[in-house]
């Protein structure tokens, strides 16, 4: 991927658009998103799990875990790897994503 085609991150876009340093609230939000992503990747890296299982393991609210997992699913970072007897889907990281 050429440098011009690389994904631009929110903080970089903010800096380019305004010419100013990103506000602390934006930096804090991005830091939190990265922490959540690391926790979810670690949890799913151990094997397929349901949203409630990931929420319990990571101590992140189930609604927030669901939001992230659905985003990851949309972008092809996770796959559905089955369903539990209770009807919950199990999600797993795509191969090469661990």
C-alpha atoms as a PDB file:
ATOM      1  CA  UNK A   1       0.000   0.000   0.000  1.00  0.00           C
ATOM      2  CA  UNK A   2       1.455   3.341  -1.017  1.00  0.00           C
ATOM      3  CA  UNK A   3       1.827   6.078   1.580  1.00  0.00           C
ATOM      4  CA  UNK A   4      -0.885   8.206  -0.077  1.00  0.00           C
ATOM      5  CA  UNK A   5      -3.325   5.289   0.170  1.00  0.00           C
ATOM      6  CA  UNK A   6      -2.781   4.621   3.869  1.00  0.00           C
ATOM      7  CA  UNK A   7      -5.716   5.084   6.206  1.00  0.00           C
ATOM      8  CA  UNK A   8      -5.756   8.440   7.970  1.00  0.00           C
ATOM      9  CA  UNK A   9      -6.625   8.391  11.632  1.00  0.00           C
ATOM     10  CA  UNK A  10      -9.004  10.783  13.327  1.00  0.00           C
ATOM     11  CA  UNK A  11      -6.298  12.643  15.221  1.00  0.00           C
ATOM     12  CA  UNK A  12      -4.175  13.079  12.094  1.00  0.00           C
ATOM     13  CA  UNK A  13      -7.167  14.351  10.119  1.00  0.00           C
ATOM     14  CA  UNK A  14      -8.047  16.780  12.918  1.00  0.00           C
ATOM     15  CA  UNK A  15      -4.494  18.140  12.982  1.00  0.00           C
ATOM     16  CA  UNK A  16      -4.437  18.550   9.175  1.00  0.00           C
ATOM     17  CA  UNK A  17      -7.838  20.220   9.057  1.00  0.00           C
ATOM     18  CA  UNK A  18      -7.414  22.640  11.948  1.00  0.00           C
ATOM     19  CA  UNK A  19      -3.656  22.987  12.192  1.00  0.00           C
ATOM     20  CA  UNK A  20      -4.032  22.589  15.943  1.00  0.00           C
ATOM     21  CA  UNK A  21      -3.272  19.867  18.439  1.00  0.00           C
ATOM     22  CA  UNK A  22      -6.169  17.485  19.027  1.00  0.00           C
ATOM     23  CA  UNK A  23      -8.222  18.265  22.149  1.00  0.00           C
ATOM     24  CA  UNK A  24      -7.606  16.093  25.185  1.00  0.00           C
ATOM     25  CA  UNK A  25     -11.129  14.625  24.945  1.00  0.00           C
ATOM     26  CA  UNK A  26     -10.352  13.271  21.469  1.00  0.00           C
ATOM     27  CA  UNK A  27      -7.018  11.863  22.621  1.00  0.00           C
ATOM     28  CA  UNK A  28      -8.700  10.198  25.609  1.00  0.00           C
ATOM     29  CA  UNK A  29     -11.415   8.703  23.392  1.00  0.00           C
ATOM     30  CA  UNK A  30      -8.845   7.271  20.982  1.00  0.00           C
ATOM     31  CA  UNK A  31      -6.814   5.844  23.874  1.00  0.00           C
ATOM     32  CA  UNK A  32      -9.940   4.153  25.270  1.00  0.00           C
ATOM     33  CA  UNK A  33     -10.792   2.708  21.852  1.00  0.00           C
ATOM     34  CA  UNK A  34      -7.308   1.233  21.561  1.00  0.00           C
ATOM     35  CA  UNK A  35      -7.542  -0.288  25.053  1.00  0.00           C
ATOM     36  CA  UNK A  36     -10.899  -1.878  24.222  1.00  0.00           C
ATOM     37  CA  UNK A  37      -9.568  -3.196  20.910  1.00  0.00           C
ATOM     38  CA  UNK A  38      -6.611  -4.808  22.691  1.00  0.00           C
ATOM     39  CA  UNK A  39      -8.858  -6.441  25.297  1.00  0.00           C
ATOM     40  CA  UNK A  40     -11.262  -7.776  22.668  1.00  0.00           C
ATOM     41  CA  UNK A  41      -8.442  -9.084  20.496  1.00  0.00           C
ATOM     42  CA  UNK A  42      -6.895 -10.843  23.475  1.00  0.00           C
ATOM     43  CA  UNK A  43     -10.234 -12.372  24.524  1.00  0.00           C
ATOM     44  CA  UNK A  44     -11.110 -13.568  21.023  1.00  0.00           C
ATOM     45  CA  UNK A  45      -7.531 -14.666  20.372  1.00  0.00           C
ATOM     46  CA  UNK A  46      -7.994 -17.396  22.974  1.00  0.00           C
ATOM     47  CA  UNK A  47     -10.833 -18.883  20.925  1.00  0.00           C
ATOM     48  CA  UNK A  48     -14.404 -18.217  19.793  1.00  0.00           C
ATOM     49  CA  UNK A  49     -16.627 -16.538  22.373  1.00  0.00           C
ATOM     50  CA  UNK A  50     -20.097 -15.049  22.701  1.00  0.00           C
ATOM     51  CA  UNK A  51     -20.687 -11.384  23.466  1.00  0.00           C
ATOM     52  CA  UNK A  52     -21.605 -12.142  27.125  1.00  0.00           C
ATOM     53  CA  UNK A  53     -18.448 -14.240  27.535  1.00  0.00           C
ATOM     54  CA  UNK A  54     -16.257 -11.469  26.119  1.00  0.00           C
ATOM     55  CA  UNK A  55     -18.024  -8.866  28.276  1.00  0.00           C
ATOM     56  CA  UNK A  56     -17.465 -10.919  31.419  1.00  0.00           C
ATOM     57  CA  UNK A  57     -13.807 -11.616  30.598  1.00  0.00           C
ATOM     58  CA  UNK A  58     -12.947  -8.021  29.651  1.00  0.00           C
ATOM     59  CA  UNK A  59     -15.250  -6.292  32.162  1.00  0.00           C
ATOM     60  CA  UNK A  60     -16.640  -4.121  29.356  1.00  0.00           C
ATOM     61  CA  UNK A  61     -20.405  -3.573  29.121  1.00  0.00           C
ATOM     62  CA  UNK A  62     -22.056  -6.147  26.830  1.00  0.00           C
ATOM     63  CA  UNK A  63     -23.688  -3.428  24.702  1.00  0.00           C
ATOM     64  CA  UNK A  64     -20.260  -1.895  24.060  1.00  0.00           C
ATOM     65  CA  UNK A  65     -18.708  -5.292  23.291  1.00  0.00           C
ATOM     66  CA  UNK A  66     -21.549  -5.973  20.845  1.00  0.00           C
ATOM     67  CA  UNK A  67     -20.979  -2.620  19.127  1.00  0.00           C
ATOM     68  CA  UNK A  68     -17.270  -3.299  18.651  1.00  0.00           C
ATOM     69  CA  UNK A  69     -17.769  -6.898  17.526  1.00  0.00           C
ATOM     70  CA  UNK A  70     -20.400  -5.858  14.985  1.00  0.00           C
ATOM     71  CA  UNK A  71     -18.013  -3.202  13.693  1.00  0.00           C
ATOM     72  CA  UNK A  72     -15.248  -5.796  13.450  1.00  0.00           C
ATOM     73  CA  UNK A  73     -17.662  -8.143  11.662  1.00  0.00           C
ATOM     74  CA  UNK A  74     -18.626  -5.421   9.189  1.00  0.00           C
ATOM     75  CA  UNK A  75     -14.975  -4.859   8.311  1.00  0.00           C
ATOM     76  CA  UNK A  76     -14.099  -8.552   8.168  1.00  0.00           C
ATOM     77  CA  UNK A  77     -11.965  -8.716  11.293  1.00  0.00           C
ATOM     78  CA  UNK A  78     -14.123 -11.370  12.991  1.00  0.00           C
ATOM     79  CA  UNK A  79     -16.297 -14.216  11.768  1.00  0.00           C
ATOM     80  CA  UNK A  80     -19.245 -16.115  13.190  1.00  0.00           C
ATOM     81  CA  UNK A  81     -18.032 -19.534  14.242  1.00  0.00           C
ATOM     82  CA  UNK A  82     -21.235 -21.121  15.461  1.00  0.00           C
ATOM     83  CA  UNK A  83     -24.140 -20.697  17.801  1.00  0.00           C
ATOM     84  CA  UNK A  84     -24.734 -21.768  21.399  1.00  0.00           C
ATOM     85  CA  UNK A  85     -27.754 -23.714  22.609  1.00  0.00           C
ATOM     86  CA  UNK A  86     -29.052 -20.460  24.111  1.00  0.00           C
ATOM     87  CA  UNK A  87     -28.928 -18.800  20.681  1.00  0.00           C
ATOM     88  CA  UNK A  88     -25.831 -16.646  21.135  1.00  0.00           C
ATOM     89  CA  UNK A  89     -23.432 -16.432  18.236  1.00  0.00           C
ATOM     90  CA  UNK A  90     -19.784 -17.251  18.828  1.00  0.00           C
ATOM     91  CA  UNK A  91     -17.306 -14.875  17.245  1.00  0.00           C
ATOM     92  CA  UNK A  92     -13.695 -15.579  16.358  1.00  0.00           C
ATOM     93  CA  UNK A  93     -10.864 -13.511  14.943  1.00  0.00           C
ATOM     94  CA  UNK A  94     -10.257 -14.083  11.262  1.00  0.00           C
ATOM     95  CA  UNK A  95      -7.160 -16.113  10.477  1.00  0.00           C
ATOM     96  CA  UNK A  96      -4.033 -13.999  10.612  1.00  0.00           C
ATOM     97  CA  UNK A  97      -5.615 -11.429  12.983  1.00  0.00           C
ATOM     98  CA  UNK A  98      -4.251 -12.730  16.300  1.00  0.00           C
END
